[in-house]
Amino acid sequence: MASREAVRRTVQSVRPILSVDREEARKRVLNLYKAWYRQIPYIVMDYDIPKSVEQCREKLREEFLKHRNVTDIRVIDMLVIKGQMELKESVEIWKQKGHIMRYWKESQEPKPTDFLSKFLSGQN
């Protein structure tokens, strides 16, 4: 019983980073998404990347959807802060072309585990 009370006090004493509630965090995420969406044509032009504006906007949507299941307001706020920093670095051209192209780097495929898959991929 005492441990439950201590946990409840600890949970209540955690201070928010930026947002007070979920609705405010949602507004911050939407504002960040809109800011990125508006800046994509300029980023494509400034960095001269071999992707279209539509492809970049699709990648933006994919990156935001990757974190759609996050429910902790503090984690959402940290992701928003990181997104704002990334946007500022991209707009101010503090990044290089390789940093922008890293978003399209394909993820590593899992290594084959069975004999036939290893044989076909040329592994020992």
PDB file of N, CA and C in Angstrom:
ATOM      1  N   MET A   1       0.821  -1.182   0.000  1.00  0.00           N
ATOM      2  CA  MET A   1       0.000   0.000   0.000  1.00  0.00           C
ATOM      3  C   MET A   1       0.869   1.251   0.000  1.00  0.00           C
ATOM      4  N   ALA A   2       1.921   1.228   0.809  1.00  0.00           N
ATOM      5  CA  ALA A   2       2.806   2.398   0.879  1.00  0.00           C
ATOM      6  C   ALA A   2       3.567   2.579  -0.428  1.00  0.00           C
ATOM      7  N   SER A   3       3.910   1.482  -1.089  1.00  0.00           N
ATOM      8  CA  SER A   3       4.645   1.597  -2.347  1.00  0.00           C
ATOM      9  C   SER A   3       3.766   2.200  -3.446  1.00  0.00           C
ATOM     10  N   ARG A   4       2.500   1.867  -3.446  1.00  0.00           N
ATOM     11  CA  ARG A   4       1.589   2.455  -4.424  1.00  0.00           C
ATOM     12  C   ARG A   4       1.493   3.968  -4.236  1.00  0.00           C
ATOM     13  N   GLU A   5       1.438   4.373  -2.997  1.00  0.00           N
ATOM     14  CA  GLU A   5       1.356   5.809  -2.687  1.00  0.00           C
ATOM     15  C   GLU A   5       2.626   6.519  -3.136  1.00  0.00           C
ATOM     16  N   ALA A   6       3.762   5.903  -2.927  1.00  0.00           N
ATOM     17  CA  ALA A   6       5.031   6.511  -3.338  1.00  0.00           C
ATOM     18  C   ALA A   6       5.108   6.624  -4.855  1.00  0.00           C
ATOM     19  N   VAL A   7       4.653   5.598  -5.553  1.00  0.00           N
ATOM     20  CA  VAL A   7       4.660   5.635  -7.015  1.00  0.00           C
ATOM     21  C   VAL A   7       3.721   6.726  -7.513  1.00  0.00           C
ATOM     22  N   ARG A   8       2.575   6.833  -6.911  1.00  0.00           N
ATOM     23  CA  ARG A   8       1.609   7.847  -7.338  1.00  0.00           C
ATOM     24  C   ARG A   8       2.153   9.256  -7.114  1.00  0.00           C
ATOM     25  N   ARG A   9       2.820   9.490  -6.000  1.00  0.00           N
ATOM     26  CA  ARG A   9       3.419  10.802  -5.740  1.00  0.00           C
ATOM     27  C   ARG A   9       4.535  11.097  -6.733  1.00  0.00           C
ATOM     28  N   THR A  10       5.312  10.080  -7.064  1.00  0.00           N
ATOM     29  CA  THR A  10       6.405  10.262  -8.022  1.00  0.00           C
ATOM     30  C   THR A  10       5.856  10.596  -9.400  1.00  0.00           C
ATOM     31  N   VAL A  11       4.815   9.878  -9.805  1.00  0.00           N
ATOM     32  CA  VAL A  11       4.218  10.132 -11.115  1.00  0.00           C
ATOM     33  C   VAL A  11       3.624  11.534 -11.161  1.00  0.00           C
ATOM     34  N   GLN A  12       3.020  11.962 -10.074  1.00  0.00           N
ATOM     35  CA  GLN A  12       2.422  13.287 -10.044  1.00  0.00           C
ATOM     36  C   GLN A  12       3.479  14.390 -10.025  1.00  0.00           C
ATOM     37  N   SER A  13       4.660  14.114  -9.497  1.00  0.00           N
ATOM     38  CA  SER A  13       5.666  15.159  -9.358  1.00  0.00           C
ATOM     39  C   SER A  13       6.509  15.355 -10.609  1.00  0.00           C
ATOM     40  N   VAL A  14       6.347  14.502 -11.641  1.00  0.00           N
ATOM     41  CA  VAL A  14       7.097  14.655 -12.875  1.00  0.00           C
ATOM     42  C   VAL A  14       6.574  15.889 -13.594  1.00  0.00           C
ATOM     43  N   ARG A  15       7.505  16.800 -13.926  1.00  0.00           N
ATOM     44  CA  ARG A  15       7.106  18.050 -14.554  1.00  0.00           C
ATOM     45  C   ARG A  15       7.137  17.902 -16.073  1.00  0.00           C
ATOM     46  N   PRO A  16       6.201  18.519 -16.745  1.00  0.00           N
ATOM     47  CA  PRO A  16       6.207  18.457 -18.204  1.00  0.00           C
ATOM     48  C   PRO A  16       7.353  19.269 -18.789  1.00  0.00           C
ATOM     49  N   ILE A  17       7.802  18.891 -19.975  1.00  0.00           N
ATOM     50  CA  ILE A  17       8.885  19.615 -20.639  1.00  0.00           C
ATOM     51  C   ILE A  17       8.325  20.853 -21.319  1.00  0.00           C
ATOM     52  N   LEU A  18       7.391  20.662 -22.239  1.00  0.00           N
ATOM     53  CA  LEU A  18       6.760  21.786 -22.941  1.00  0.00           C
ATOM     54  C   LEU A  18       5.254  21.765 -22.779  1.00  0.00           C
ATOM     55  N   SER A  19       4.658  20.637 -23.064  1.00  0.00           N
ATOM     56  CA  SER A  19       3.200  20.524 -23.118  1.00  0.00           C
ATOM     57  C   SER A  19       2.635  20.121 -21.768  1.00  0.00           C
ATOM     58  N   VAL A  20       1.482  20.680 -21.480  1.00  0.00           N
ATOM     59  CA  VAL A  20       0.812  20.367 -20.227  1.00  0.00           C
ATOM     60  C   VAL A  20      -0.101  19.153 -20.391  1.00  0.00           C
ATOM     61  N   ASP A  21      -0.746  19.039 -21.549  1.00  0.00           N
ATOM     62  CA  ASP A  21      -1.641  17.914 -21.785  1.00  0.00           C
ATOM     63  C   ASP A  21      -1.457  17.381 -23.201  1.00  0.00           C
ATOM     64  N   ARG A  22      -2.188  16.315 -23.521  1.00  0.00           N
ATOM     65  CA  ARG A  22      -2.048  15.661 -24.822  1.00  0.00           C
ATOM     66  C   ARG A  22      -2.464  16.571 -25.974  1.00  0.00           C
ATOM     67  N   GLU A  23      -3.471  17.387 -25.747  1.00  0.00           N
ATOM     68  CA  GLU A  23      -3.944  18.270 -26.818  1.00  0.00           C
ATOM     69  C   GLU A  23      -2.887  19.304 -27.194  1.00  0.00           C
ATOM     70  N   GLU A  24      -2.215  19.843 -26.212  1.00  0.00           N
ATOM     71  CA  GLU A  24      -1.147  20.803 -26.499  1.00  0.00           C
ATOM     72  C   GLU A  24       0.025  20.119 -27.216  1.00  0.00           C
ATOM     73  N   ALA A  25       0.347  18.905 -26.807  1.00  0.00           N
ATOM     74  CA  ALA A  25       1.411  18.154 -27.477  1.00  0.00           C
ATOM     75  C   ALA A  25       1.014  17.862 -28.919  1.00  0.00           C
ATOM     76  N   ARG A  26      -0.235  17.525 -29.133  1.00  0.00           N
ATOM     77  CA  ARG A  26      -0.720  17.260 -30.493  1.00  0.00           C
ATOM     78  C   ARG A  26      -0.582  18.502 -31.370  1.00  0.00           C
ATOM     79  N   LYS A  27      -0.921  19.661 -30.829  1.00  0.00           N
ATOM     80  CA  LYS A  27      -0.795  20.911 -31.589  1.00  0.00           C
ATOM     81  C   LYS A  27       0.660  21.187 -31.951  1.00  0.00           C
ATOM     82  N   ARG A  28       1.560  20.909 -31.025  1.00  0.00           N
ATOM     83  CA  ARG A  28       2.986  21.114 -31.304  1.00  0.00           C
ATOM     84  C   ARG A  28       3.464  20.184 -32.424  1.00  0.00           C
ATOM     85  N   VAL A  29       3.013  18.945 -32.398  1.00  0.00           N
ATOM     86  CA  VAL A  29       3.400  17.990 -33.440  1.00  0.00           C
ATOM     87  C   VAL A  29       2.858  18.443 -34.793  1.00  0.00           C
ATOM     88  N   LEU A  30       1.604  18.865 -34.841  1.00  0.00           N
ATOM     89  CA  LEU A  30       1.021  19.313 -36.102  1.00  0.00           C
ATOM     90  C   LEU A  30       1.726  20.566 -36.623  1.00  0.00           C
ATOM     91  N   ASN A  31       2.079  21.484 -35.740  1.00  0.00           N
ATOM     92  CA  ASN A  31       2.804  22.685 -36.165  1.00  0.00           C
ATOM     93  C   ASN A  31       4.177  22.333 -36.724  1.00  0.00           C
ATOM     94  N   LEU A  32       4.853  21.372 -36.096  1.00  0.00           N
ATOM     95  CA  LEU A  32       6.156  20.932 -36.597  1.00  0.00           C
ATOM     96  C   LEU A  32       6.000  20.276 -37.962  1.00  0.00           C
ATOM     97  N   TYR A  33       4.971  19.445 -38.122  1.00  0.00           N
ATOM     98  CA  TYR A  33       4.733  18.786 -39.404  1.00  0.00           C
ATOM     99  C   TYR A  33       4.478  19.824 -40.500  1.00  0.00           C
ATOM    100  N   LYS A  34       3.664  20.813 -40.203  1.00  0.00           N
ATOM    101  CA  LYS A  34       3.364  21.858 -41.189  1.00  0.00           C
ATOM    102  C   LYS A  34       4.609  22.660 -41.549  1.00  0.00           C
ATOM    103  N   ALA A  35       5.442  22.943 -40.559  1.00  0.00           N
ATOM    104  CA  ALA A  35       6.672  23.695 -40.823  1.00  0.00           C
ATOM    105  C   ALA A  35       7.597  22.904 -41.742  1.00  0.00           C
ATOM    106  N   TRP A  36       7.769  21.615 -41.457  1.00  0.00           N
ATOM    107  CA  TRP A  36       8.584  20.758 -42.329  1.00  0.00           C
ATOM    108  C   TRP A  36       7.980  20.709 -43.728  1.00  0.00           C
ATOM    109  N   TYR A  37       6.661  20.534 -43.812  1.00  0.00           N
ATOM    110  CA  TYR A  37       5.969  20.405 -45.087  1.00  0.00           C
ATOM    111  C   TYR A  37       6.186  21.642 -45.956  1.00  0.00           C
ATOM    112  N   ARG A  38       6.136  22.822 -45.325  1.00  0.00           N
ATOM    113  CA  ARG A  38       6.347  24.072 -46.065  1.00  0.00           C
ATOM    114  C   ARG A  38       7.790  24.254 -46.498  1.00  0.00           C
ATOM    115  N   GLN A  39       8.739  23.728 -45.742  1.00  0.00           N
ATOM    116  CA  GLN A  39      10.153  23.945 -46.038  1.00  0.00           C
ATOM    117  C   GLN A  39      10.729  22.929 -47.017  1.00  0.00           C
ATOM    118  N   ILE A  40      10.043  21.839 -47.266  1.00  0.00           N
ATOM    119  CA  ILE A  40      10.601  20.785 -48.122  1.00  0.00           C
ATOM    120  C   ILE A  40      10.990  21.282 -49.518  1.00  0.00           C
ATOM    121  N   PRO A  41      10.172  22.081 -50.212  1.00  0.00           N
ATOM    122  CA  PRO A  41      10.621  22.539 -51.542  1.00  0.00           C
ATOM    123  C   PRO A  41      11.932  23.323 -51.494  1.00  0.00           C
ATOM    124  N   TYR A  42      12.118  24.136 -50.470  1.00  0.00           N
ATOM    125  CA  TYR A  42      13.351  24.914 -50.341  1.00  0.00           C
ATOM    126  C   TYR A  42      14.543  24.020 -49.999  1.00  0.00           C
ATOM    127  N   ILE A  43      14.302  23.012 -49.176  1.00  0.00           N
ATOM    128  CA  ILE A  43      15.371  22.084 -48.815  1.00  0.00           C
ATOM    129  C   ILE A  43      15.813  21.293 -50.041  1.00  0.00           C
ATOM    130  N   VAL A  44      14.846  20.833 -50.842  1.00  0.00           N
ATOM    131  CA  VAL A  44      15.178  20.088 -52.062  1.00  0.00           C
ATOM    132  C   VAL A  44      15.999  20.967 -52.996  1.00  0.00           C
ATOM    133  N   MET A  45      15.608  22.233 -53.112  1.00  0.00           N
ATOM    134  CA  MET A  45      16.311  23.142 -54.011  1.00  0.00           C
ATOM    135  C   MET A  45      17.703  23.499 -53.470  1.00  0.00           C
ATOM    136  N   ASP A  46      17.800  23.793 -52.182  1.00  0.00           N
ATOM    137  CA  ASP A  46      19.080  24.227 -51.597  1.00  0.00           C
ATOM    138  C   ASP A  46      20.120  23.116 -51.597  1.00  0.00           C
ATOM    139  N   TYR A  47      19.700  21.911 -51.255  1.00  0.00           N
ATOM    140  CA  TYR A  47      20.638  20.795 -51.164  1.00  0.00           C
ATOM    141  C   TYR A  47      20.811  20.062 -52.486  1.00  0.00           C
ATOM    142  N   ASP A  48      19.958  20.365 -53.466  1.00  0.00           N
ATOM    143  CA  ASP A  48      20.026  19.733 -54.783  1.00  0.00           C
ATOM    144  C   ASP A  48      20.039  18.206 -54.661  1.00  0.00           C
ATOM    145  N   ILE A  49      19.092  17.689 -53.900  1.00  0.00           N
ATOM    146  CA  ILE A  49      19.028  16.252 -53.700  1.00  0.00           C
ATOM    147  C   ILE A  49      18.274  15.606 -54.860  1.00  0.00           C
ATOM    148  N   PRO A  50      18.609  14.374 -55.204  1.00  0.00           N
ATOM    149  CA  PRO A  50      17.972  13.713 -56.352  1.00  0.00           C
ATOM    150  C   PRO A  50      16.621  13.099 -56.012  1.00  0.00           C
ATOM    151  N   LYS A  51      15.817  13.803 -55.282  1.00  0.00           N
ATOM    152  CA  LYS A  51      14.472  13.352 -54.927  1.00  0.00           C
ATOM    153  C   LYS A  51      13.494  14.458 -55.261  1.00  0.00           C
ATOM    154  N   SER A  52      12.263  14.074 -55.569  1.00  0.00           N
ATOM    155  CA  SER A  52      11.245  15.077 -55.854  1.00  0.00           C
ATOM    156  C   SER A  52      10.643  15.578 -54.540  1.00  0.00           C
ATOM    157  N   VAL A  53       9.913  16.670 -54.642  1.00  0.00           N
ATOM    158  CA  VAL A  53       9.243  17.225 -53.461  1.00  0.00           C
ATOM    159  C   VAL A  53       8.227  16.223 -52.929  1.00  0.00           C
ATOM    160  N   GLU A  54       7.546  15.529 -53.824  1.00  0.00           N
ATOM    161  CA  GLU A  54       6.549  14.541 -53.400  1.00  0.00           C
ATOM    162  C   GLU A  54       7.197  13.384 -52.643  1.00  0.00           C
ATOM    163  N   GLN A  55       8.354  12.927 -53.120  1.00  0.00           N
ATOM    164  CA  GLN A  55       9.063  11.859 -52.420  1.00  0.00           C
ATOM    165  C   GLN A  55       9.505  12.318 -51.031  1.00  0.00           C
ATOM    166  N   CYS A  56       9.943  13.553 -50.929  1.00  0.00           N
ATOM    167  CA  CYS A  56      10.381  14.074 -49.633  1.00  0.00           C
ATOM    168  C   CYS A  56       9.208  14.216 -48.682  1.00  0.00           C
ATOM    169  N   ARG A  57       8.083  14.639 -49.203  1.00  0.00           N
ATOM    170  CA  ARG A  57       6.907  14.775 -48.347  1.00  0.00           C
ATOM    171  C   ARG A  57       6.402  13.402 -47.899  1.00  0.00           C
ATOM    172  N   GLU A  58       6.522  12.403 -48.748  1.00  0.00           N
ATOM    173  CA  GLU A  58       6.156  11.047 -48.365  1.00  0.00           C
ATOM    174  C   GLU A  58       7.088  10.532 -47.264  1.00  0.00           C
ATOM    175  N   LYS A  59       8.367  10.842 -47.381  1.00  0.00           N
ATOM    176  CA  LYS A  59       9.327  10.437 -46.352  1.00  0.00           C
ATOM    177  C   LYS A  59       9.041  11.156 -45.041  1.00  0.00           C
ATOM    178  N   LEU A  60       8.658  12.428 -45.120  1.00  0.00           N
ATOM    179  CA  LEU A  60       8.282  13.183 -43.922  1.00  0.00           C
ATOM    180  C   LEU A  60       7.103  12.516 -43.230  1.00  0.00           C
ATOM    181  N   ARG A  61       6.097  12.157 -44.006  1.00  0.00           N
ATOM    182  CA  ARG A  61       4.922  11.494 -43.440  1.00  0.00           C
ATOM    183  C   ARG A  61       5.313  10.165 -42.797  1.00  0.00           C
ATOM    184  N   GLU A  62       6.184   9.424 -43.466  1.00  0.00           N
ATOM    185  CA  GLU A  62       6.646   8.139 -42.936  1.00  0.00           C
ATOM    186  C   GLU A  62       7.378   8.325 -41.611  1.00  0.00           C
ATOM    187  N   GLU A  63       8.227   9.352 -41.523  1.00  0.00           N
ATOM    188  CA  GLU A  63       8.972   9.594 -40.283  1.00  0.00           C
ATOM    189  C   GLU A  63       8.032   9.970 -39.134  1.00  0.00           C
ATOM    190  N   PHE A  64       6.997  10.752 -39.425  1.00  0.00           N
ATOM    191  CA  PHE A  64       6.060  11.117 -38.375  1.00  0.00           C
ATOM    192  C   PHE A  64       5.201   9.922 -37.969  1.00  0.00           C
ATOM    193  N   LEU A  65       4.806   9.105 -38.930  1.00  0.00           N
ATOM    194  CA  LEU A  65       3.985   7.940 -38.611  1.00  0.00           C
ATOM    195  C   LEU A  65       4.762   6.876 -37.845  1.00  0.00           C
ATOM    196  N   LYS A  66       6.076   6.907 -37.954  1.00  0.00           N
ATOM    197  CA  LYS A  66       6.904   5.947 -37.227  1.00  0.00           C
ATOM    198  C   LYS A  66       6.725   6.108 -35.712  1.00  0.00           C
ATOM    199  N   HIS A  67       6.412   7.326 -35.277  1.00  0.00           N
ATOM    200  CA  HIS A  67       6.282   7.606 -33.844  1.00  0.00           C
ATOM    201  C   HIS A  67       4.831   7.868 -33.429  1.00  0.00           C
ATOM    202  N   ARG A  68       3.877   7.400 -34.207  1.00  0.00           N
ATOM    203  CA  ARG A  68       2.486   7.716 -33.895  1.00  0.00           C
ATOM    204  C   ARG A  68       1.959   7.005 -32.655  1.00  0.00           C
ATOM    205  N   ASN A  69       2.607   5.936 -32.225  1.00  0.00           N
ATOM    206  CA  ASN A  69       2.132   5.189 -31.059  1.00  0.00           C
ATOM    207  C   ASN A  69       2.706   5.691 -29.748  1.00  0.00           C
ATOM    208  N   VAL A  70       3.510   6.745 -29.790  1.00  0.00           N
ATOM    209  CA  VAL A  70       4.083   7.298 -28.559  1.00  0.00           C
ATOM    210  C   VAL A  70       2.970   8.024 -27.809  1.00  0.00           C
ATOM    211  N   THR A  71       2.817   7.703 -26.529  1.00  0.00           N
ATOM    212  CA  THR A  71       1.741   8.308 -25.744  1.00  0.00           C
ATOM    213  C   THR A  71       2.250   9.179 -24.604  1.00  0.00           C
ATOM    214  N   ASP A  72       3.489   8.993 -24.183  1.00  0.00           N
ATOM    215  CA  ASP A  72       4.035   9.776 -23.083  1.00  0.00           C
ATOM    216  C   ASP A  72       4.284  11.208 -23.555  1.00  0.00           C
ATOM    217  N   ILE A  73       3.703  12.163 -22.870  1.00  0.00           N
ATOM    218  CA  ILE A  73       3.795  13.572 -23.278  1.00  0.00           C
ATOM    219  C   ILE A  73       5.231  14.058 -23.252  1.00  0.00           C
ATOM    220  N   ARG A  74       6.004  13.609 -22.282  1.00  0.00           N
ATOM    221  CA  ARG A  74       7.405  14.050 -22.213  1.00  0.00           C
ATOM    222  C   ARG A  74       8.215  13.526 -23.400  1.00  0.00           C
ATOM    223  N   VAL A  75       7.956  12.306 -23.818  1.00  0.00           N
ATOM    224  CA  VAL A  75       8.649  11.738 -24.978  1.00  0.00           C
ATOM    225  C   VAL A  75       8.225  12.482 -26.244  1.00  0.00           C
ATOM    226  N   ILE A  76       6.935  12.787 -26.358  1.00  0.00           N
ATOM    227  CA  ILE A  76       6.453  13.548 -27.504  1.00  0.00           C
ATOM    228  C   ILE A  76       7.143  14.904 -27.561  1.00  0.00           C
ATOM    229  N   ASP A  77       7.261  15.560 -26.412  1.00  0.00           N
ATOM    230  CA  ASP A  77       7.926  16.861 -26.368  1.00  0.00           C
ATOM    231  C   ASP A  77       9.388  16.760 -26.785  1.00  0.00           C
ATOM    232  N   MET A  78      10.063  15.709 -26.345  1.00  0.00           N
ATOM    233  CA  MET A  78      11.465  15.536 -26.741  1.00  0.00           C
ATOM    234  C   MET A  78      11.583  15.294 -28.245  1.00  0.00           C
ATOM    235  N   LEU A  79      10.686  14.521 -28.814  1.00  0.00           N
ATOM    236  CA  LEU A  79      10.703  14.287 -30.256  1.00  0.00           C
ATOM    237  C   LEU A  79      10.425  15.578 -31.018  1.00  0.00           C
ATOM    238  N   VAL A  80       9.534  16.407 -30.495  1.00  0.00           N
ATOM    239  CA  VAL A  80       9.245  17.697 -31.134  1.00  0.00           C
ATOM    240  C   VAL A  80      10.473  18.595 -31.075  1.00  0.00           C
ATOM    241  N   ILE A  81      11.156  18.622 -29.944  1.00  0.00           N
ATOM    242  CA  ILE A  81      12.363  19.440 -29.815  1.00  0.00           C
ATOM    243  C   ILE A  81      13.423  18.969 -30.804  1.00  0.00           C
ATOM    244  N   LYS A  82      13.614  17.657 -30.904  1.00  0.00           N
ATOM    245  CA  LYS A  82      14.590  17.128 -31.867  1.00  0.00           C
ATOM    246  C   LYS A  82      14.186  17.468 -33.300  1.00  0.00           C
ATOM    247  N   GLY A  83      12.898  17.389 -33.598  1.00  0.00           N
ATOM    248  CA  GLY A  83      12.419  17.729 -34.930  1.00  0.00           C
ATOM    249  C   GLY A  83      12.634  19.193 -35.256  1.00  0.00           C
ATOM    250  N   GLN A  84      12.441  20.060 -34.267  1.00  0.00           N
ATOM    251  CA  GLN A  84      12.689  21.489 -34.481  1.00  0.00           C
ATOM    252  C   GLN A  84      14.165  21.759 -34.718  1.00  0.00           C
ATOM    253  N   MET A  85      15.019  21.053 -33.992  1.00  0.00           N
ATOM    254  CA  MET A  85      16.459  21.225 -34.199  1.00  0.00           C
ATOM    255  C   MET A  85      16.860  20.753 -35.594  1.00  0.00           C
ATOM    256  N   GLU A  86      16.326  19.615 -36.029  1.00  0.00           N
ATOM    257  CA  GLU A  86      16.622  19.101 -37.365  1.00  0.00           C
ATOM    258  C   GLU A  86      16.158  20.089 -38.436  1.00  0.00           C
ATOM    259  N   LEU A  87      14.981  20.647 -38.237  1.00  0.00           N
ATOM    260  CA  LEU A  87      14.451  21.600 -39.205  1.00  0.00           C
ATOM    261  C   LEU A  87      15.325  22.841 -39.287  1.00  0.00           C
ATOM    262  N   LYS A  88      15.725  23.362 -38.141  1.00  0.00           N
ATOM    263  CA  LYS A  88      16.581  24.556 -38.135  1.00  0.00           C
ATOM    264  C   LYS A  88      17.917  24.268 -38.814  1.00  0.00           C
ATOM    265  N   GLU A  89      18.497  23.118 -38.520  1.00  0.00           N
ATOM    266  CA  GLU A  89      19.768  22.753 -39.137  1.00  0.00           C
ATOM    267  C   GLU A  89      19.617  22.606 -40.647  1.00  0.00           C
ATOM    268  N   SER A  90      18.492  22.080 -41.087  1.00  0.00           N
ATOM    269  CA  SER A  90      18.278  21.903 -42.524  1.00  0.00           C
ATOM    270  C   SER A  90      18.028  23.235 -43.219  1.00  0.00           C
ATOM    271  N   VAL A  91      17.235  24.083 -42.609  1.00  0.00           N
ATOM    272  CA  VAL A  91      16.901  25.369 -43.226  1.00  0.00           C
ATOM    273  C   VAL A  91      18.113  26.296 -43.269  1.00  0.00           C
ATOM    274  N   GLU A  92      18.903  26.277 -42.219  1.00  0.00           N
ATOM    275  CA  GLU A  92      20.079  27.151 -42.159  1.00  0.00           C
ATOM    276  C   GLU A  92      21.264  26.584 -42.941  1.00  0.00           C
ATOM    277  N   ILE A  93      21.061  25.435 -43.586  1.00  0.00           N
ATOM    278  CA  ILE A  93      22.082  24.742 -44.382  1.00  0.00           C
ATOM    279  C   ILE A  93      23.324  24.452 -43.536  1.00  0.00           C
ATOM    280  N   TRP A  94      23.095  23.991 -42.326  1.00  0.00           N
ATOM    281  CA  TRP A  94      24.187  23.555 -41.455  1.00  0.00           C
ATOM    282  C   TRP A  94      24.509  22.091 -41.722  1.00  0.00           C
ATOM    283  N   LYS A  95      23.627  21.419 -42.438  1.00  0.00           N
ATOM    284  CA  LYS A  95      23.847  20.019 -42.783  1.00  0.00           C
ATOM    285  C   LYS A  95      24.472  19.938 -44.160  1.00  0.00           C
ATOM    286  N   GLN A  96      24.956  18.761 -44.483  1.00  0.00           N
ATOM    287  CA  GLN A  96      25.452  18.508 -45.818  1.00  0.00           C
ATOM    288  C   GLN A  96      24.460  17.604 -46.545  1.00  0.00           C
ATOM    289  N   LYS A  97      24.667  17.477 -47.828  1.00  0.00           N
ATOM    290  CA  LYS A  97      23.756  16.685 -48.650  1.00  0.00           C
ATOM    291  C   LYS A  97      23.646  15.246 -48.142  1.00  0.00           C
ATOM    292  N   GLY A  98      24.752  14.686 -47.671  1.00  0.00           N
ATOM    293  CA  GLY A  98      24.742  13.317 -47.157  1.00  0.00           C
ATOM    294  C   GLY A  98      23.872  13.153 -45.927  1.00  0.00           C
ATOM    295  N   HIS A  99      23.806  14.194 -45.110  1.00  0.00           N
ATOM    296  CA  HIS A  99      22.954  14.128 -43.919  1.00  0.00           C
ATOM    297  C   HIS A  99      21.485  14.067 -44.310  1.00  0.00           C
ATOM    298  N   ILE A 100      21.118  14.805 -45.338  1.00  0.00           N
ATOM    299  CA  ILE A 100      19.730  14.786 -45.797  1.00  0.00           C
ATOM    300  C   ILE A 100      19.408  13.441 -46.456  1.00  0.00           C
ATOM    301  N   MET A 101      20.346  12.939 -47.249  1.00  0.00           N
ATOM    302  CA  MET A 101      20.109  11.680 -47.964  1.00  0.00           C
ATOM    303  C   MET A 101      20.075  10.478 -47.026  1.00  0.00           C
ATOM    304  N   ARG A 102      20.575  10.635 -45.825  1.00  0.00           N
ATOM    305  CA  ARG A 102      20.567   9.534 -44.855  1.00  0.00           C
ATOM    306  C   ARG A 102      19.144   9.097 -44.498  1.00  0.00           C
ATOM    307  N   TYR A 103      18.167   9.981 -44.665  1.00  0.00           N
ATOM    308  CA  TYR A 103      16.785   9.605 -44.373  1.00  0.00           C
ATOM    309  C   TYR A 103      16.301   8.496 -45.301  1.00  0.00           C
ATOM    310  N   TRP A 104      16.889   8.389 -46.486  1.00  0.00           N
ATOM    311  CA  TRP A 104      16.483   7.366 -47.443  1.00  0.00           C
ATOM    312  C   TRP A 104      17.369   6.131 -47.387  1.00  0.00           C
ATOM    313  N   LYS A 105      18.295   6.095 -46.467  1.00  0.00           N
ATOM    314  CA  LYS A 105      19.157   4.925 -46.352  1.00  0.00           C
ATOM    315  C   LYS A 105      18.285   3.736 -45.987  1.00  0.00           C
ATOM    316  N   GLU A 106      18.427   2.692 -46.773  1.00  0.00           N
ATOM    317  CA  GLU A 106      17.590   1.523 -46.537  1.00  0.00           C
ATOM    318  C   GLU A 106      18.014   0.824 -45.256  1.00  0.00           C
ATOM    319  N   SER A 107      17.047   0.332 -44.547  1.00  0.00           N
ATOM    320  CA  SER A 107      17.353  -0.380 -43.316  1.00  0.00           C
ATOM    321  C   SER A 107      17.987  -1.721 -43.662  1.00  0.00           C
ATOM    322  N   GLN A 108      18.743  -2.251 -42.732  1.00  0.00           N
ATOM    323  CA  GLN A 108      19.415  -3.523 -42.962  1.00  0.00           C
ATOM    324  C   GLN A 108      18.408  -4.659 -42.879  1.00  0.00           C
ATOM    325  N   GLU A 109      18.493  -5.536 -43.849  1.00  0.00           N
ATOM    326  CA  GLU A 109      17.605  -6.691 -43.834  1.00  0.00           C
ATOM    327  C   GLU A 109      18.129  -7.715 -42.833  1.00  0.00           C
ATOM    328  N   PRO A 110      17.235  -8.436 -42.185  1.00  0.00           N
ATOM    329  CA  PRO A 110      17.705  -9.458 -41.235  1.00  0.00           C
ATOM    330  C   PRO A 110      18.474 -10.550 -41.975  1.00  0.00           C
ATOM    331  N   LYS A 111      19.501 -11.043 -41.323  1.00  0.00           N
ATOM    332  CA  LYS A 111      20.315 -12.103 -41.916  1.00  0.00           C
ATOM    333  C   LYS A 111      19.515 -13.399 -41.968  1.00  0.00           C
ATOM    334  N   PRO A 112      19.709 -14.179 -43.031  1.00  0.00           N
ATOM    335  CA  PRO A 112      18.984 -15.449 -43.132  1.00  0.00           C
ATOM    336  C   PRO A 112      19.442 -16.429 -42.053  1.00  0.00           C
ATOM    337  N   THR A 113      18.520 -17.247 -41.599  1.00  0.00           N
ATOM    338  CA  THR A 113      18.835 -18.190 -40.523  1.00  0.00           C
ATOM    339  C   THR A 113      18.818 -19.642 -41.000  1.00  0.00           C
ATOM    340  N   ASP A 114      18.011 -19.947 -41.996  1.00  0.00           N
ATOM    341  CA  ASP A 114      17.966 -21.337 -42.436  1.00  0.00           C
ATOM    342  C   ASP A 114      19.009 -21.592 -43.525  1.00  0.00           C
ATOM    343  N   PHE A 115      19.303 -22.852 -43.758  1.00  0.00           N
ATOM    344  CA  PHE A 115      20.386 -23.254 -44.661  1.00  0.00           C
ATOM    345  C   PHE A 115      20.179 -22.752 -46.087  1.00  0.00           C
ATOM    346  N   LEU A 116      18.993 -22.920 -46.614  1.00  0.00           N
ATOM    347  CA  LEU A 116      18.736 -22.574 -48.005  1.00  0.00           C
ATOM    348  C   LEU A 116      18.865 -21.066 -48.241  1.00  0.00           C
ATOM    349  N   SER A 117      18.365 -20.279 -47.310  1.00  0.00           N
ATOM    350  CA  SER A 117      18.470 -18.826 -47.452  1.00  0.00           C
ATOM    351  C   SER A 117      19.917 -18.373 -47.370  1.00  0.00           C
ATOM    352  N   LYS A 118      20.699 -18.979 -46.470  1.00  0.00           N
ATOM    353  CA  LYS A 118      22.125 -18.653 -46.373  1.00  0.00           C
ATOM    354  C   LYS A 118      22.830 -19.022 -47.660  1.00  0.00           C
ATOM    355  N   PHE A 119      22.506 -20.187 -48.216  1.00  0.00           N
ATOM    356  CA  PHE A 119      23.138 -20.658 -49.435  1.00  0.00           C
ATOM    357  C   PHE A 119      22.831 -19.722 -50.597  1.00  0.00           C
ATOM    358  N   LEU A 120      21.590 -19.319 -50.722  1.00  0.00           N
ATOM    359  CA  LEU A 120      21.190 -18.453 -51.833  1.00  0.00           C
ATOM    360  C   LEU A 120      21.775 -17.046 -51.708  1.00  0.00           C
ATOM    361  N   SER A 121      22.009 -16.577 -50.495  1.00  0.00           N
ATOM    362  CA  SER A 121      22.587 -15.243 -50.326  1.00  0.00           C
ATOM    363  C   SER A 121      24.102 -15.258 -50.374  1.00  0.00           C
ATOM    364  N   GLY A 122      24.714 -16.451 -50.406  1.00  0.00           N
ATOM    365  CA  GLY A 122      26.161 -16.572 -50.529  1.00  0.00           C
ATOM    366  C   GLY A 122      26.894 -16.510 -49.212  1.00  0.00           C
ATOM    367  N   GLN A 123      26.228 -16.713 -48.109  1.00  0.00           N
ATOM    368  CA  GLN A 123      26.891 -16.738 -46.805  1.00  0.00           C
ATOM    369  C   GLN A 123      27.296 -18.154 -46.471  1.00  0.00           C
ATOM    370  N   ASN A 124      28.259 -18.270 -45.558  1.00  0.00           N
ATOM    371  CA  ASN A 124      28.716 -19.606 -45.118  1.00  0.00           C
ATOM    372  C   ASN A 124      27.721 -20.257 -44.215  1.00  0.00           C
TER     373      ASN A 124
END
